[in-house]
């Protein structure tokens, strides 16, 4: 199997893991409420399930640089399967939280390992775009598959199907050949873990490095991105006067990205610099959140969703690509993606909390631009600074 074929195999893993995740998540909240948990407890469980793993990404990246991506990917999928098994039982809140944390850590570790391995094979816009499309394919197909299996099997058996799929993926990953650990040469020379950590920190965060700027841009993006799950349900209900309107917006977001991301990034903007694409993406956020300042309507929701989706399809893969490009020269992809994962996790938690607080204080989604528009303005300035430090990108 060639390197490119192995890359396509990993893309298939991304699709299946995304599908397996999203065929369970939409039903999980209702199931927890049926078991007697209140909305606050259910929200806490879901928050731990999605947020704990990314916070640990930087540590995972450090470990992966010494062990390689393959053990992390296999162990992550296995841990994910074990953690999700608790949802087939009627457990207490502490047990749910502990197992959710394990499942989140497993999912984040496996995702980080697969992303790092893919970018080692080809630090190209085409590969990173295909990976983004694979993620969105799973998110689009998963809820439909989950609904069908739930109708046939019920929730408990649906959990077992998810566990089985993760276990099969873990087994298949053991058959794929991965790149050797990034730190294998240093280890052979007898360097200690502490020495390696200091050397990695110096390279990642040294004065000549543009990586810290990229981390701040990552933090801004995920803080802004966290507003999607707040604005869409509230705005859709107010604009269309039906609770199911947000489902259509979510599906439209996935379809929009799947249809346009590859033609735009690989073909139409194929010769445009990555930093210019970042500028276009963040500029589109100005339109998305600016429209929230006008009275709520169905048209407002549509304009917000289209502008936000355009920003998402431009920014998300480009941040991954730029991280790969500036760190590929010193073989520190795992550590770099680990740090970006940690910053995205912190940003998601901060963004959700602050965005929700602003919606409460301002009595509507018109409060969200107070957070997002200043952040977007800062991002445009940071991109210009990044271009000066990395003029070739």
Protein backbone atom coordinates (compact mmCIF):
# COMPACT_ATOMS: atom_id res chain seq x y z
CA UNK A 1 0.00 0.00 0.00
CA UNK A 2 1.47 3.37 -1.07
CA UNK A 3 1.69 6.41 1.21
CA UNK A 4 -1.20 8.03 -0.68
CA UNK A 5 -3.35 4.90 -0.30
CA UNK A 6 -2.65 4.87 3.44
CA UNK A 7 -3.69 8.52 3.50
CA UNK A 8 -7.04 7.63 1.94
CA UNK A 9 -7.43 4.83 4.49
CA UNK A 10 -6.97 7.37 7.28
CA UNK A 11 -9.54 9.67 5.65
CA UNK A 12 -12.00 6.79 5.74
CA UNK A 13 -11.25 6.40 9.45
CA UNK A 14 -12.08 10.09 9.92
CA UNK A 15 -15.44 9.65 8.15
CA UNK A 16 -16.41 6.57 10.18
CA UNK A 17 -15.37 8.04 13.54
CA UNK A 18 -17.35 11.20 12.78
CA UNK A 19 -20.37 9.18 11.74
CA UNK A 20 -20.12 7.00 14.85
CA UNK A 21 -19.92 10.06 17.09
CA UNK A 22 -22.80 11.97 15.55
CA UNK A 23 -25.13 8.98 15.31
CA UNK A 24 -25.10 8.89 19.12
CA UNK A 25 -24.79 12.53 20.28
CA UNK A 26 -28.16 13.92 19.07
CA UNK A 27 -30.00 11.22 21.05
CA UNK A 28 -27.88 11.36 24.18
CA UNK A 29 -29.42 14.46 25.76
CA UNK A 30 -32.97 13.10 25.53
CA UNK A 31 -31.84 9.74 26.92
CA UNK A 32 -30.18 11.38 29.93
CA UNK A 33 -33.33 13.40 30.64
CA UNK A 34 -35.40 10.20 30.45
CA UNK A 35 -33.12 8.66 33.05
CA UNK A 36 -34.02 11.42 35.49
CA UNK A 37 -31.12 13.87 35.08
CA UNK A 38 -32.05 17.54 34.89
CA UNK A 39 -30.89 19.80 32.07
CA UNK A 40 -27.95 21.14 34.08
CA UNK A 41 -26.60 17.65 34.80
CA UNK A 42 -27.10 16.59 31.18
CA UNK A 43 -25.27 19.71 30.01
CA UNK A 44 -22.40 18.99 32.40
CA UNK A 45 -22.06 15.42 31.09
CA UNK A 46 -22.07 16.60 27.47
CA UNK A 47 -19.59 19.36 28.30
CA UNK A 48 -17.16 16.87 29.82
CA UNK A 49 -17.72 14.50 26.90
CA UNK A 50 -16.66 17.15 24.38
CA UNK A 51 -14.30 19.38 26.35
CA UNK A 52 -11.91 17.34 28.48
CA UNK A 53 -10.01 15.71 25.62
CA UNK A 54 -8.96 18.87 23.75
CA UNK A 55 -7.64 20.40 26.98
CA UNK A 56 -5.17 17.52 27.25
CA UNK A 57 -4.03 17.69 23.62
CA UNK A 58 -0.71 19.42 24.34
CA UNK A 59 0.30 16.63 26.74
CA UNK A 60 -0.86 14.03 24.22
CA UNK A 61 1.25 15.70 21.53
CA UNK A 62 4.35 15.50 23.75
CA UNK A 63 3.75 11.79 24.37
CA UNK A 64 3.08 11.14 20.69
CA UNK A 65 6.38 12.70 19.66
CA UNK A 66 8.12 9.88 21.53
CA UNK A 67 5.75 6.95 20.95
CA UNK A 68 4.53 7.72 17.42
CA UNK A 69 0.98 8.32 16.22
CA UNK A 70 -0.07 4.69 15.84
CA UNK A 71 -0.16 3.69 19.55
CA UNK A 72 -1.99 6.91 20.40
CA UNK A 73 -4.58 6.34 17.65
CA UNK A 74 -5.25 2.73 18.65
CA UNK A 75 -5.32 3.43 22.39
CA UNK A 76 -7.51 6.51 21.83
CA UNK A 77 -10.15 4.57 19.91
CA UNK A 78 -10.12 1.78 22.51
CA UNK A 79 -10.47 4.31 25.35
CA UNK A 80 -13.31 6.01 23.48
CA UNK A 81 -15.17 2.69 23.18
CA UNK A 82 -14.68 1.88 26.87
CA UNK A 83 -15.83 5.33 27.98
CA UNK A 84 -18.99 5.30 25.86
CA UNK A 85 -20.04 1.92 27.30
CA UNK A 86 -21.38 3.71 30.40
CA UNK A 87 -24.27 5.15 28.37
CA UNK A 88 -25.68 1.64 27.94
CA UNK A 89 -26.22 1.56 31.71
CA UNK A 90 -28.15 3.55 34.32
CA UNK A 91 -25.18 4.99 36.19
CA UNK A 92 -24.79 7.81 38.70
CA UNK A 93 -23.63 11.31 37.75
CA UNK A 94 -20.02 10.87 39.00
CA UNK A 95 -19.65 7.64 37.00
CA UNK A 96 -21.05 9.29 33.88
CA UNK A 97 -18.64 12.20 34.30
CA UNK A 98 -15.61 9.93 34.81
CA UNK A 99 -16.42 7.76 31.80
CA UNK A 100 -17.28 10.80 29.67
CA UNK A 101 -13.87 12.28 30.47
CA UNK A 102 -12.22 9.01 29.39
CA UNK A 103 -14.24 8.92 26.16
CA UNK A 104 -13.37 12.55 25.40
CA UNK A 105 -9.67 11.94 26.02
CA UNK A 106 -9.76 8.89 23.76
CA UNK A 107 -11.55 10.72 20.96
CA UNK A 108 -9.25 13.74 21.09
CA UNK A 109 -6.11 11.56 21.19
CA UNK A 110 -7.19 9.47 18.22
CA UNK A 111 -8.17 12.57 16.23
CA UNK A 112 -4.85 14.26 16.97
CA UNK A 113 -2.89 11.16 15.96
CA UNK A 114 -4.76 10.72 12.66
CA UNK A 115 -4.48 14.42 11.80
CA UNK A 116 -0.73 14.42 12.51
CA UNK A 117 -0.15 11.31 10.41
CA UNK A 118 -2.15 12.70 7.50
CA UNK A 119 -0.16 15.93 7.51
CA UNK A 120 3.11 14.01 7.65
CA UNK A 121 2.13 12.31 4.42
CA UNK A 122 1.31 15.54 2.59
CA UNK A 123 1.39 19.09 3.94
CA UNK A 124 -0.87 20.28 1.16
CA UNK A 125 -4.10 22.23 0.87
CA UNK A 126 -5.66 19.30 -0.96
CA UNK A 127 -5.04 16.84 1.89
CA UNK A 128 -6.16 19.18 4.65
CA UNK A 129 -9.29 20.03 2.66
CA UNK A 130 -10.11 16.36 2.14
CA UNK A 131 -9.74 15.78 5.88
CA UNK A 132 -12.12 18.66 6.65
CA UNK A 133 -14.63 17.25 4.17
CA UNK A 134 -14.29 13.82 5.77
CA UNK A 135 -15.16 15.32 9.17
CA UNK A 136 -18.23 17.06 7.74
CA UNK A 137 -19.30 13.92 5.88
CA UNK A 138 -19.42 12.03 9.16
CA UNK A 139 -21.33 14.88 10.81
CA UNK A 140 -23.89 14.88 7.98
CA UNK A 141 -24.43 11.11 7.71
CA UNK A 142 -24.16 10.26 11.41
CA UNK A 143 -27.46 11.72 12.70
CA UNK A 144 -29.45 9.99 9.94
CA UNK A 145 -27.78 6.63 10.57
CA UNK A 146 -28.28 7.04 14.31
CA UNK A 147 -31.97 7.84 13.91
CA UNK A 148 -32.49 4.76 11.74
CA UNK A 149 -30.64 2.41 14.09
CA UNK A 150 -32.40 3.92 17.11
CA UNK A 151 -35.79 3.15 15.55
CA UNK A 152 -34.73 -0.46 14.89
CA UNK A 153 -32.62 -1.26 17.95
CA UNK A 154 -33.28 1.28 20.68
CA UNK A 155 -30.73 3.47 22.45
CA UNK A 156 -28.90 0.80 24.47
CA UNK A 157 -28.15 -1.35 21.44
CA UNK A 158 -27.18 1.76 19.47
CA UNK A 159 -24.46 2.37 22.07
CA UNK A 160 -23.22 -1.20 21.54
CA UNK A 161 -23.08 -0.59 17.78
CA UNK A 162 -20.98 2.52 18.40
CA UNK A 163 -18.63 0.59 20.68
CA UNK A 164 -18.26 -2.18 18.10
CA UNK A 165 -17.43 0.31 15.34
CA UNK A 166 -14.73 1.96 17.45
CA UNK A 167 -13.28 -1.44 18.33
CA UNK A 168 -13.16 -2.46 14.66
CA UNK A 169 -11.49 0.83 13.74
CA UNK A 170 -8.88 0.32 16.48
CA UNK A 171 -8.16 -3.16 15.10
CA UNK A 172 -7.85 -1.86 11.54
CA UNK A 173 -5.49 0.89 12.68
CA UNK A 174 -3.07 -1.74 13.95
CA UNK A 175 -2.76 -3.01 10.37
CA UNK A 176 -1.79 0.37 8.90
CA UNK A 177 1.83 1.50 8.74
CA UNK A 178 2.55 4.81 10.43
CA UNK A 179 5.55 7.13 10.36
CA UNK A 180 8.24 6.57 13.05
CA UNK A 181 8.17 8.71 16.23
CA UNK A 182 9.43 12.26 15.75
CA UNK A 183 11.81 11.98 18.70
CA UNK A 184 13.31 8.59 17.76
CA UNK A 185 16.60 10.12 16.62
CA UNK A 186 16.99 12.22 19.73
CA UNK A 187 16.20 9.27 21.95
CA UNK A 188 18.85 7.19 20.21
CA UNK A 189 21.38 9.86 21.07
CA UNK A 190 20.57 9.53 24.74
CA UNK A 191 18.77 12.83 25.34
CA UNK A 192 16.43 12.93 28.32
CA UNK A 193 12.72 13.70 28.24
CA UNK A 194 13.33 16.98 30.08
CA UNK A 195 15.95 18.03 27.54
CA UNK A 196 13.64 17.16 24.67
CA UNK A 197 10.78 19.12 26.26
CA UNK A 198 12.95 22.22 26.69
CA UNK A 199 14.18 21.95 23.11
CA UNK A 200 10.63 21.59 21.78
CA UNK A 201 9.44 24.58 23.82
CA UNK A 202 12.33 26.69 22.56
CA UNK A 203 11.51 25.89 18.94
CA UNK A 204 7.75 26.28 19.31
CA UNK A 205 7.72 29.48 21.34
CA UNK A 206 11.06 31.12 20.54
CA UNK A 207 11.25 34.78 19.55
CA UNK A 208 11.76 33.92 15.88
CA UNK A 209 8.74 31.60 15.76
CA UNK A 210 5.39 32.61 14.29
CA UNK A 211 3.69 29.70 16.07
CA UNK A 212 2.47 31.74 19.10
CA UNK A 213 0.60 34.06 16.72
CA UNK A 214 -0.99 31.03 15.11
CA UNK A 215 -2.08 29.80 18.54
CA UNK A 216 -3.78 33.14 19.29
CA UNK A 217 -5.55 32.97 15.91
CA UNK A 218 -6.65 29.44 16.77
CA UNK A 219 -8.00 30.65 20.12
CA UNK A 220 -9.93 33.48 18.44
CA UNK A 221 -11.38 31.19 15.79
CA UNK A 222 -12.69 28.60 18.25
CA UNK A 223 -14.03 31.28 20.61
CA UNK A 224 -16.03 32.68 17.70
CA UNK A 225 -16.94 29.21 16.42
CA UNK A 226 -18.45 28.32 19.82
CA UNK A 227 -21.21 30.87 19.15
CA UNK A 228 -22.71 28.71 16.37
CA UNK A 229 -24.35 26.29 18.80
CA UNK A 230 -25.85 29.24 20.70
CA UNK A 231 -26.94 31.52 17.88
CA UNK A 232 -28.45 28.95 15.51
CA UNK A 233 -31.02 27.33 17.86
CA UNK A 234 -32.10 30.65 19.38
CA UNK A 235 -32.09 32.62 16.12
CA UNK A 236 -33.78 29.85 14.12
CA UNK A 237 -36.61 29.51 16.60
CA UNK A 238 -37.14 33.29 16.72
CA UNK A 239 -36.91 33.66 12.95
CA UNK A 240 -38.83 30.60 11.74
CA UNK A 241 -41.04 30.01 14.83
CA UNK A 242 -40.36 26.26 14.93
CA UNK A 243 -37.96 24.20 17.01
CA UNK A 244 -36.95 22.00 14.06
CA UNK A 245 -35.60 24.94 12.03
CA UNK A 246 -32.16 24.63 13.65
CA UNK A 247 -31.88 21.02 12.39
CA UNK A 248 -32.26 22.27 8.84
CA UNK A 249 -29.63 24.98 9.42
CA UNK A 250 -27.16 22.41 10.79
CA UNK A 251 -27.68 20.15 7.79
CA UNK A 252 -27.43 23.10 5.42
CA UNK A 253 -24.11 24.05 7.02
CA UNK A 254 -22.67 20.57 6.39
CA UNK A 255 -23.98 20.40 2.80
CA UNK A 256 -22.69 23.92 2.02
CA UNK A 257 -19.19 23.01 3.20
CA UNK A 258 -19.13 19.64 1.44
CA UNK A 259 -20.20 21.18 -1.87
CA UNK A 260 -17.95 24.25 -1.87
CA UNK A 261 -14.86 23.55 0.23
CA UNK A 262 -12.85 21.51 -2.28
CA UNK A 263 -13.75 23.60 -5.38
CA UNK A 264 -12.97 26.82 -3.53
CA UNK A 265 -9.79 25.94 -1.66
CA UNK A 266 -8.16 23.58 -4.14
CA UNK A 267 -9.29 25.05 -7.47
CA UNK A 268 -10.68 28.60 -7.33
CA UNK A 269 -8.24 29.74 -4.61
CA UNK A 270 -5.53 27.21 -5.38
CA UNK A 271 -2.85 29.83 -6.11
CA UNK A 272 -3.90 32.24 -3.36
CA UNK A 273 -1.65 32.41 -0.29
CA UNK A 274 -2.87 30.69 2.87
CA UNK A 275 -2.68 33.92 4.87
CA UNK A 276 -4.89 35.66 2.31
CA UNK A 277 -7.46 32.87 2.69
CA UNK A 278 -7.37 33.43 6.45
CA UNK A 279 -8.06 37.12 5.89
CA UNK A 280 -11.04 36.28 3.66
CA UNK A 281 -12.37 33.82 6.23
CA UNK A 282 -12.22 36.17 9.19
CA UNK A 283 -13.61 39.01 7.07
CA UNK A 284 -16.65 36.83 6.35
CA UNK A 285 -17.17 36.59 10.12
CA UNK A 286 -17.70 40.36 10.13
CA UNK A 287 -20.74 39.88 7.89
CA UNK A 288 -21.98 36.90 9.92
CA UNK A 289 -21.98 38.68 13.27
CA UNK A 290 -22.75 42.14 11.92
CA UNK A 291 -26.11 40.90 10.66
CA UNK A 292 -27.02 39.89 14.22
CA UNK A 293 -27.23 43.57 15.12
CA UNK A 294 -30.41 43.99 13.06
CA UNK A 295 -33.84 42.73 14.22
CA UNK A 296 -34.22 38.94 14.21
CA UNK A 297 -35.83 37.42 11.13
CA UNK A 298 -35.61 34.34 8.93
CA UNK A 299 -33.44 36.25 6.44
CA UNK A 300 -31.06 37.22 9.24
CA UNK A 301 -30.57 33.54 10.17
CA UNK A 302 -29.93 32.55 6.55
CA UNK A 303 -27.36 35.32 6.02
CA UNK A 304 -25.64 34.45 9.31
CA UNK A 305 -25.49 30.74 8.47
CA UNK A 306 -24.13 31.28 4.95
CA UNK A 307 -21.47 33.80 6.06
CA UNK A 308 -20.48 31.67 9.05
CA UNK A 309 -20.22 28.52 6.92
CA UNK A 310 -18.02 30.33 4.40
CA UNK A 311 -15.72 31.44 7.22
CA UNK A 312 -15.60 27.90 8.63
CA UNK A 313 -14.70 26.22 5.34
CA UNK A 314 -11.92 28.76 4.71
CA UNK A 315 -10.40 29.10 8.18
CA UNK A 316 -10.48 25.67 9.81
CA UNK A 317 -8.41 23.72 7.23
CA UNK A 318 -6.11 26.71 6.62
CA UNK A 319 -5.12 26.91 10.29
CA UNK A 320 -4.27 23.20 10.21
CA UNK A 321 -2.31 23.67 7.00
CA UNK A 322 -0.30 26.62 8.31
CA UNK A 323 0.52 24.70 11.48
CA UNK A 324 1.78 21.83 9.37
CA UNK A 325 3.86 24.07 7.13
CA UNK A 326 5.69 26.04 9.80
CA UNK A 327 6.39 22.99 11.98
CA UNK A 328 7.10 20.39 9.31
CA UNK A 329 10.64 21.71 8.90
CA UNK A 330 11.66 20.57 12.40
CA UNK A 331 9.42 17.48 12.66
CA UNK A 332 7.27 18.70 15.54
CA UNK A 333 3.81 18.23 14.07
CA UNK A 334 2.47 16.18 16.96
CA UNK A 335 3.47 18.77 19.57
CA UNK A 336 2.21 21.64 17.43
CA UNK A 337 -1.19 20.08 16.77
CA UNK A 338 -1.38 19.16 20.45
CA UNK A 339 -0.99 22.81 21.45
CA UNK A 340 -3.55 24.00 18.90
CA UNK A 341 -5.94 21.35 20.23
CA UNK A 342 -5.50 22.59 23.79
CA UNK A 343 -6.07 26.21 22.77
CA UNK A 344 -9.19 25.24 20.81
CA UNK A 345 -10.55 23.37 23.84
CA UNK A 346 -10.01 26.33 26.17
CA UNK A 347 -11.50 28.71 23.59
CA UNK A 348 -14.60 26.55 23.14
CA UNK A 349 -15.29 26.56 26.89
CA UNK A 350 -14.61 30.30 27.24
CA UNK A 351 -16.57 31.18 24.10
CA UNK A 352 -19.63 29.17 25.14
CA UNK A 353 -19.68 30.70 28.63
CA UNK A 354 -19.14 34.33 27.56
CA UNK A 355 -21.48 34.04 24.57
CA UNK A 356 -24.25 32.57 26.74
CA UNK A 357 -23.74 35.29 29.34
CA UNK A 358 -23.99 38.04 26.68
CA UNK A 359 -27.18 36.51 25.26
CA UNK A 360 -28.66 36.51 28.77
CA UNK A 361 -27.59 40.08 29.57
CA UNK A 362 -28.67 41.50 26.20
CA UNK A 363 -31.83 39.37 26.11
CA UNK A 364 -31.04 37.94 22.68
CA UNK A 365 -28.38 37.02 20.13
CA UNK A 366 -27.64 40.69 19.44
CA UNK A 367 -25.22 40.51 22.37
CA UNK A 368 -22.91 37.99 20.66
CA UNK A 369 -21.32 40.56 18.26
CA UNK A 370 -20.01 42.44 21.33
CA UNK A 371 -17.62 39.52 21.82
CA UNK A 372 -17.00 38.39 18.26
CA UNK A 373 -16.51 41.57 16.26
CA UNK A 374 -13.61 42.89 18.41
CA UNK A 375 -11.99 39.45 18.30
CA UNK A 376 -12.31 39.31 14.52
CA UNK A 377 -10.74 42.78 14.22
CA UNK A 378 -7.80 41.57 16.34
CA UNK A 379 -7.46 38.49 14.13
CA UNK A 380 -7.09 40.61 10.98
CA UNK A 381 -4.22 42.54 12.59
CA UNK A 382 -2.59 39.32 13.80
CA UNK A 383 -2.71 37.81 10.31
CA UNK A 384 -0.83 40.80 8.94
CA UNK A 385 1.79 40.34 11.69
CA UNK A 386 1.97 36.64 10.92
CA UNK A 387 2.62 37.43 7.25
CA UNK A 388 5.62 39.56 8.24
CA UNK A 389 7.11 36.75 10.31
CA UNK A 390 6.36 34.07 7.69
CA UNK A 391 6.43 35.98 4.37
CA UNK A 392 6.59 32.83 2.26
CA UNK A 393 3.24 31.50 3.53
